Amino acid sequence: MPKSESIDTGAVPLIELWRGEILESLHRGHAVVIRDTGEIVENWGRPDALIYPRSSCKMVQALPLLESGAGHGLAPEHLALACASHQGAAIHVERVARWLNDMGLSEHDLRCGCQDPQDIPERDRLILAGKKPCQLHNNCSGKHAGFLMLNRHLRGDAEYVDPSHPVQKSVRTAFEEVTGMASPGFGIDGCSAPNFATELSALATAMARFSTATDDGTSRARAMVALREAMMLYPELVAGETRACTDLMRALKGKAAIKTGAEAVFVAILPEARLGIALKIVDGGTRAAEAAITALLIRHAGLAPEHPVAQRYLGPILNRRAFVTGHTRTAPNFI
């Protein structure tokens, strides 16, 4: 991949954390709101910042599964899991296991690697049973189940995460088409699949296209609608309890499909507003990314600032005795 400008170049203050009367932390980044036409509604920092979308683009990675016909008959629950970065809770693990079993496959066919579940009840269950986590607990196991279903259709070999594999070639093609940009290269994600670099505005353009898609009879439009609706219908499968993606989608009640990615990337699909949003916090801070996407959802999706979920990510900071010790705020020139 050619050398790009530093991700820090042109970044602007987005989120502040105050304790008492002192600014304790400051997070800078880039954010863009865009229409499916490519028109930038507003932006902060550099819209052309080159990033890895990481898991924020899983709905794009799932497009070939549906467009190819490989995923014909899948339920919305499957599609939500294909877009998920889940907690490894029972509701996630059991569904992915059944999906694999229905294909005549098992956990051993996955290539995402084992991961400790982030879900505390499932973690405790494993400890008490003297068991170790498996690949089903990996937050990307649903995406990989989708890859395996596509691979069965394409009749590829077992190493479906190889960048030269037909599965990943089809993912790259779809990714470049919906972002409207040829990717300059890729990195290998935590789940071993390639993650294709793109500009922030291109990622937001893809989300805007998801937001305005209607079932016009084309395979891509049908796929976009199905994935978008599945995410909003099953927010608990896309992430899980205590997670911002799930919390924010529940709060917005079908007005947005929201997805995070590692290293503080966030996207949002806003069907009613016909907009796509993408942001990146340059220091990789999750709390700042959650606050920034909350601020943008207040501005563009009708999330009430006083809603308990909005307050959780962009509001007072409570200590362990529930005392207000500070505030998370937007920076003066952001929003």
Protein backbone atom coordinates (compact mmCIF):
# COMPACT_ATOMS: atom_id res chain seq x y z
CA MET A 1 0.00 0.00 0.00
CA PRO A 2 1.43 3.45 -0.89
CA LYS A 3 2.47 5.68 1.96
CA SER A 4 -0.27 8.10 2.96
CA GLU A 5 -0.39 11.20 5.09
CA SER A 6 -0.28 10.57 8.80
CA ILE A 7 -3.70 9.88 10.26
CA ASP A 8 -2.96 12.78 12.63
CA THR A 9 -2.53 15.27 9.77
CA GLY A 10 -5.45 17.68 9.74
CA ALA A 11 -7.23 16.03 12.68
CA VAL A 12 -9.29 18.41 14.80
CA PRO A 13 -10.52 18.31 18.41
CA LEU A 14 -13.78 16.36 18.60
CA ILE A 15 -14.27 15.19 22.18
CA GLU A 16 -13.22 16.67 25.52
CA LEU A 17 -13.23 15.06 28.98
CA TRP A 18 -13.45 17.48 31.87
CA ARG A 19 -12.85 16.66 35.53
CA GLY A 20 -13.87 19.50 37.77
CA GLU A 21 -12.78 22.69 36.05
CA ILE A 22 -9.83 21.17 34.20
CA LEU A 23 -9.74 19.71 30.70
CA GLU A 24 -8.26 16.30 31.51
CA SER A 25 -8.27 14.64 28.08
CA LEU A 26 -8.74 15.75 24.49
CA HIS A 27 -9.44 13.46 21.52
CA ARG A 28 -8.90 14.60 17.96
CA GLY A 29 -10.16 12.98 14.81
CA HIS A 30 -11.95 13.18 11.49
CA ALA A 31 -15.69 12.93 10.80
CA VAL A 32 -17.87 13.28 7.72
CA VAL A 33 -21.60 13.26 6.97
CA ILE A 34 -22.45 12.53 3.35
CA ARG A 35 -25.29 11.86 0.90
CA ASP A 36 -25.36 8.94 -1.50
CA THR A 37 -24.59 11.40 -4.30
CA GLY A 38 -21.21 11.98 -2.73
CA GLU A 39 -22.17 15.46 -1.50
CA ILE A 40 -20.54 16.24 1.82
CA VAL A 41 -23.12 17.69 4.18
CA GLU A 42 -20.53 18.59 6.80
CA ASN A 43 -17.13 17.44 7.92
CA TRP A 44 -14.46 17.94 10.52
CA GLY A 45 -10.80 17.19 9.90
CA ARG A 46 -9.97 15.54 6.58
CA PRO A 47 -12.64 13.67 4.61
CA ASP A 48 -9.82 12.13 2.57
CA ALA A 49 -8.08 10.62 5.62
CA LEU A 50 -7.01 7.10 4.65
CA ILE A 51 -8.17 4.55 7.20
CA TYR A 52 -8.83 0.89 7.76
CA PRO A 53 -12.59 0.63 8.40
CA ARG A 54 -11.99 -2.47 10.49
CA SER A 55 -15.27 -4.02 11.62
CA SER A 56 -17.34 -0.95 10.78
CA CYS A 57 -17.68 -2.23 7.19
CA LYS A 58 -19.03 -5.72 7.93
CA MET A 59 -22.30 -4.96 6.16
CA VAL A 60 -20.22 -4.27 3.03
CA GLN A 61 -18.26 -7.51 3.50
CA ALA A 62 -21.59 -9.35 3.69
CA LEU A 63 -22.89 -8.03 0.36
CA PRO A 64 -21.44 -10.86 -1.81
CA LEU A 65 -23.12 -13.45 0.42
CA LEU A 66 -26.52 -12.13 -0.65
CA GLU A 67 -25.73 -10.80 -4.12
CA SER A 68 -24.35 -14.17 -5.21
CA GLY A 69 -27.45 -16.02 -4.08
CA ALA A 70 -25.36 -18.04 -1.63
CA GLY A 71 -27.35 -16.62 1.29
CA HIS A 72 -30.78 -17.26 -0.16
CA GLY A 73 -33.20 -18.13 2.62
CA LEU A 74 -31.11 -16.70 5.45
CA ALA A 75 -33.14 -15.15 8.24
CA PRO A 76 -32.56 -11.59 9.46
CA GLU A 77 -30.87 -13.06 12.54
CA HIS A 78 -28.20 -14.60 10.31
CA LEU A 79 -27.69 -11.32 8.51
CA ALA A 80 -27.34 -9.39 11.77
CA LEU A 81 -24.70 -11.87 12.89
CA ALA A 82 -22.88 -11.52 9.55
CA CYS A 83 -22.58 -7.79 10.35
CA ALA A 84 -21.74 -8.33 14.02
CA SER A 85 -18.84 -7.68 16.33
CA HIS A 86 -20.56 -9.59 19.07
CA GLN A 87 -19.87 -10.20 22.75
CA GLY A 88 -19.56 -13.96 22.50
CA ALA A 89 -22.72 -14.32 24.58
CA ALA A 90 -24.90 -17.42 24.45
CA ILE A 91 -27.30 -15.71 22.03
CA HIS A 92 -24.40 -15.23 19.62
CA VAL A 93 -22.48 -18.46 20.09
CA GLU A 94 -25.51 -20.75 19.89
CA ARG A 95 -26.86 -19.11 16.74
CA VAL A 96 -23.54 -19.23 14.90
CA ALA A 97 -23.10 -22.88 15.92
CA ARG A 98 -26.54 -23.74 14.50
CA TRP A 99 -25.77 -21.83 11.31
CA LEU A 100 -22.58 -23.82 10.81
CA ASN A 101 -24.32 -27.08 11.63
CA ASP A 102 -27.04 -26.34 9.07
CA MET A 103 -24.26 -26.07 6.48
CA GLY A 104 -22.73 -29.36 7.56
CA LEU A 105 -19.78 -27.48 9.07
CA SER A 106 -18.40 -26.91 12.54
CA GLU A 107 -16.38 -24.48 14.62
CA HIS A 108 -13.20 -26.07 13.24
CA ASP A 109 -14.01 -24.76 9.77
CA LEU A 110 -13.77 -21.17 10.98
CA ARG A 111 -10.54 -19.22 10.45
CA CYS A 112 -11.16 -16.36 12.87
CA GLY A 113 -9.29 -17.72 15.90
CA CYS A 114 -10.36 -18.23 19.51
CA GLN A 115 -11.27 -15.25 21.69
CA ASP A 116 -12.32 -14.85 25.31
CA PRO A 117 -15.98 -13.79 25.38
CA GLN A 118 -16.62 -10.21 26.38
CA ASP A 119 -19.97 -11.32 27.75
CA ILE A 120 -19.50 -11.81 31.48
CA PRO A 121 -22.13 -14.56 32.00
CA GLU A 122 -20.61 -16.61 29.18
CA ARG A 123 -17.10 -16.00 30.49
CA ASP A 124 -18.17 -17.16 33.95
CA ARG A 125 -19.95 -20.21 32.52
CA LEU A 126 -16.78 -21.32 30.77
CA ILE A 127 -14.67 -20.82 33.88
CA LEU A 128 -17.08 -22.75 36.11
CA ALA A 129 -17.29 -25.58 33.57
CA GLY A 130 -13.53 -25.71 33.19
CA LYS A 131 -13.83 -25.01 29.47
CA LYS A 132 -11.84 -22.79 27.14
CA PRO A 133 -13.31 -20.33 24.66
CA CYS A 134 -13.43 -21.41 21.02
CA GLN A 135 -13.75 -19.70 17.65
CA LEU A 136 -17.51 -19.35 18.11
CA HIS A 137 -16.73 -16.80 20.84
CA ASN A 138 -14.72 -14.69 18.42
CA ASN A 139 -16.57 -11.44 17.86
CA CYS A 140 -16.32 -12.03 14.08
CA SER A 141 -17.66 -15.60 14.04
CA GLY A 142 -20.92 -14.52 12.40
CA LYS A 143 -19.08 -12.75 9.60
CA HIS A 144 -16.96 -15.85 9.10
CA ALA A 145 -20.02 -18.10 8.99
CA GLY A 146 -21.19 -15.88 6.15
CA PHE A 147 -17.81 -16.22 4.45
CA LEU A 148 -18.07 -20.01 4.74
CA MET A 149 -21.54 -19.99 3.18
CA LEU A 150 -20.26 -17.85 0.31
CA ASN A 151 -17.24 -20.12 -0.02
CA ARG A 152 -19.45 -23.18 -0.35
CA HIS A 153 -21.24 -21.41 -3.21
CA LEU A 154 -17.96 -20.40 -4.89
CA ARG A 155 -16.39 -23.82 -4.25
CA GLY A 156 -13.19 -22.32 -2.93
CA ASP A 157 -10.63 -24.03 -0.73
CA ALA A 158 -10.74 -24.01 3.07
CA GLU A 159 -8.53 -20.93 3.50
CA TYR A 160 -11.24 -18.42 2.70
CA VAL A 161 -9.46 -15.55 4.51
CA ASP A 162 -6.53 -15.53 2.09
CA PRO A 163 -6.56 -12.19 0.21
CA SER A 164 -6.27 -14.05 -3.11
CA HIS A 165 -9.20 -16.37 -2.31
CA PRO A 166 -12.41 -15.97 -4.37
CA VAL A 167 -14.32 -14.99 -1.22
CA GLN A 168 -12.03 -12.07 -0.47
CA LYS A 169 -11.80 -11.06 -4.11
CA SER A 170 -15.58 -10.77 -4.20
CA VAL A 171 -15.52 -8.77 -0.96
CA ARG A 172 -12.94 -6.38 -2.38
CA THR A 173 -14.96 -5.86 -5.55
CA ALA A 174 -18.11 -5.04 -3.58
CA PHE A 175 -16.17 -2.81 -1.20
CA GLU A 176 -14.63 -0.76 -3.99
CA GLU A 177 -17.92 -0.45 -5.83
CA VAL A 178 -19.97 0.83 -2.90
CA THR A 179 -17.24 3.14 -1.60
CA GLY A 180 -16.62 4.41 -5.14
CA MET A 181 -12.88 4.14 -4.63
CA ALA A 182 -10.19 1.64 -5.57
CA SER A 183 -8.59 0.52 -2.33
CA PRO A 184 -4.86 1.25 -2.23
CA GLY A 185 -4.21 -1.90 -0.19
CA PHE A 186 -5.16 -3.91 2.84
CA GLY A 187 -4.12 -4.92 6.32
CA ILE A 188 -4.95 -8.16 8.08
CA ASP A 189 -7.68 -7.75 10.66
CA GLY A 190 -7.78 -9.36 14.09
CA CYS A 191 -9.92 -12.16 12.69
CA SER A 192 -7.33 -12.88 9.94
CA ALA A 193 -9.42 -11.54 7.05
CA PRO A 194 -8.07 -8.72 4.88
CA ASN A 195 -9.39 -5.26 5.68
CA PHE A 196 -9.32 -2.90 2.72
CA ALA A 197 -8.16 0.68 3.25
CA THR A 198 -10.27 3.57 2.00
CA GLU A 199 -10.83 7.25 2.56
CA LEU A 200 -13.20 8.29 5.32
CA SER A 201 -15.53 10.04 2.86
CA ALA A 202 -15.65 6.88 0.71
CA LEU A 203 -16.69 4.84 3.74
CA ALA A 204 -19.39 7.41 4.54
CA THR A 205 -20.53 7.26 0.90
CA ALA A 206 -21.00 3.51 1.23
CA MET A 207 -23.11 4.06 4.34
CA ALA A 208 -25.19 6.70 2.53
CA ARG A 209 -25.83 4.22 -0.28
CA PHE A 210 -27.05 1.71 2.28
CA SER A 211 -29.31 4.40 3.74
CA THR A 212 -31.05 5.20 0.46
CA ALA A 213 -31.23 1.67 -0.96
CA THR A 214 -34.71 0.43 -1.85
CA ASP A 215 -35.72 -2.99 -3.12
CA ASP A 216 -35.72 -2.01 -6.80
CA GLY A 217 -35.21 -5.56 -8.01
CA THR A 218 -31.43 -5.48 -8.26
CA SER A 219 -29.44 -7.91 -6.17
CA ARG A 220 -27.32 -5.17 -4.60
CA ALA A 221 -30.26 -3.05 -3.54
CA ARG A 222 -32.03 -6.08 -2.06
CA ALA A 223 -28.87 -7.04 -0.19
CA MET A 224 -28.34 -3.53 1.18
CA VAL A 225 -31.92 -3.28 2.40
CA ALA A 226 -31.85 -6.76 3.98
CA LEU A 227 -28.59 -6.13 5.85
CA ARG A 228 -29.58 -2.65 6.99
CA GLU A 229 -32.97 -3.82 8.26
CA ALA A 230 -31.51 -6.89 9.98
CA MET A 231 -29.07 -4.73 11.94
CA MET A 232 -31.86 -2.47 13.16
CA LEU A 233 -34.17 -5.39 13.92
CA TYR A 234 -31.61 -7.29 15.99
CA PRO A 235 -29.28 -4.73 17.62
CA GLU A 236 -28.47 -7.23 20.40
CA LEU A 237 -26.96 -9.59 17.83
CA VAL A 238 -24.85 -6.89 16.17
CA ALA A 239 -22.97 -6.18 19.42
CA GLY A 240 -24.55 -7.07 22.76
CA GLU A 241 -25.50 -5.80 26.18
CA THR A 242 -23.54 -2.74 27.41
CA ARG A 243 -22.24 -2.03 23.88
CA ALA A 244 -22.74 1.34 22.20
CA CYS A 245 -23.89 -0.09 18.85
CA THR A 246 -26.70 -2.00 20.54
CA ASP A 247 -27.59 0.78 22.98
CA LEU A 248 -27.77 3.48 20.29
CA MET A 249 -29.76 1.38 17.80
CA ARG A 250 -32.27 0.49 20.51
CA ALA A 251 -32.58 4.14 21.51
CA LEU A 252 -33.23 5.19 17.91
CA LYS A 253 -35.83 2.45 17.32
CA GLY A 254 -35.22 1.68 13.67
CA LYS A 255 -33.89 5.09 12.60
CA ALA A 256 -30.26 4.04 12.28
CA ALA A 257 -27.95 1.10 11.71
CA ILE A 258 -24.77 1.74 13.64
CA LYS A 259 -21.47 -0.14 13.64
CA THR A 260 -18.13 0.33 15.32
CA GLY A 261 -14.72 -0.86 14.25
CA ALA A 262 -11.47 -1.36 16.14
CA GLU A 263 -9.23 1.63 16.71
CA ALA A 264 -12.13 4.04 17.16
CA VAL A 265 -13.94 3.92 13.84
CA PHE A 266 -17.71 4.37 13.77
CA VAL A 267 -20.27 4.47 10.98
CA ALA A 268 -24.00 5.11 10.85
CA ILE A 269 -26.65 4.46 8.21
CA LEU A 270 -29.57 6.90 8.50
CA PRO A 271 -32.44 5.86 6.19
CA GLU A 272 -34.87 8.66 7.14
CA ALA A 273 -32.24 11.38 6.75
CA ARG A 274 -30.74 9.59 3.70
CA LEU A 275 -27.26 10.09 5.10
CA GLY A 276 -24.14 8.12 5.87
CA ILE A 277 -21.69 8.97 8.66
CA ALA A 278 -18.12 7.86 9.25
CA LEU A 279 -15.62 8.96 11.87
CA LYS A 280 -12.19 8.07 13.16
CA ILE A 281 -10.55 9.10 16.44
CA VAL A 282 -6.82 9.26 15.79
CA ASP A 283 -5.68 7.95 19.17
CA GLY A 284 -7.90 4.86 18.86
CA GLY A 285 -9.91 5.77 21.96
CA THR A 286 -13.23 3.92 22.05
CA ARG A 287 -14.86 6.23 24.59
CA ALA A 288 -14.21 9.23 22.33
CA ALA A 289 -15.56 7.43 19.26
CA GLU A 290 -18.71 6.49 21.17
CA ALA A 291 -19.16 10.09 22.30
CA ALA A 292 -18.57 11.45 18.79
CA ILE A 293 -21.06 9.13 17.09
CA THR A 294 -23.59 9.95 19.82
CA ALA A 295 -23.17 13.67 19.09
CA LEU A 296 -23.68 13.09 15.38
CA LEU A 297 -26.78 10.98 16.01
CA ILE A 298 -28.23 13.75 18.17
CA ARG A 299 -27.61 16.15 15.30
CA HIS A 300 -28.76 14.04 12.36
CA ALA A 301 -30.92 11.14 13.62
CA GLY A 302 -33.11 12.79 16.23
CA LEU A 303 -31.54 11.16 19.29
CA ALA A 304 -32.66 13.27 22.24
CA PRO A 305 -29.62 14.65 24.11
CA GLU A 306 -31.36 13.93 27.41
CA HIS A 307 -32.01 10.28 26.51
CA PRO A 308 -30.28 8.02 29.08
CA VAL A 309 -28.25 6.36 26.30
CA ALA A 310 -27.07 9.71 24.96
CA GLN A 311 -26.15 10.75 28.49
CA ARG A 312 -24.23 7.51 28.98
CA TYR A 313 -21.82 8.28 26.15
CA LEU A 314 -21.94 12.08 26.03
CA GLY A 315 -22.72 13.58 29.39
CA PRO A 316 -21.80 13.44 33.07
CA ILE A 317 -19.03 11.16 34.28
CA LEU A 318 -20.00 9.26 37.42
CA ASN A 319 -17.64 7.66 39.88
CA ARG A 320 -18.26 4.36 41.68
CA ARG A 321 -20.44 6.12 44.25
CA ALA A 322 -22.53 7.71 41.48
CA PHE A 323 -21.05 11.17 42.13
CA VAL A 324 -20.69 13.43 39.10
CA THR A 325 -16.94 13.98 38.76
CA GLY A 326 -16.80 15.48 35.29
CA HIS A 327 -18.30 15.58 31.82
CA THR A 328 -17.71 14.21 28.34
CA ARG A 329 -18.35 17.03 25.88
CA THR A 330 -17.99 17.87 22.24
CA ALA A 331 -15.12 20.21 21.43
CA PRO A 332 -16.14 23.84 20.70
CA ASN A 333 -15.93 23.54 16.89
CA PHE A 334 -17.48 20.08 16.67
CA ILE A 335 -21.29 19.98 16.29
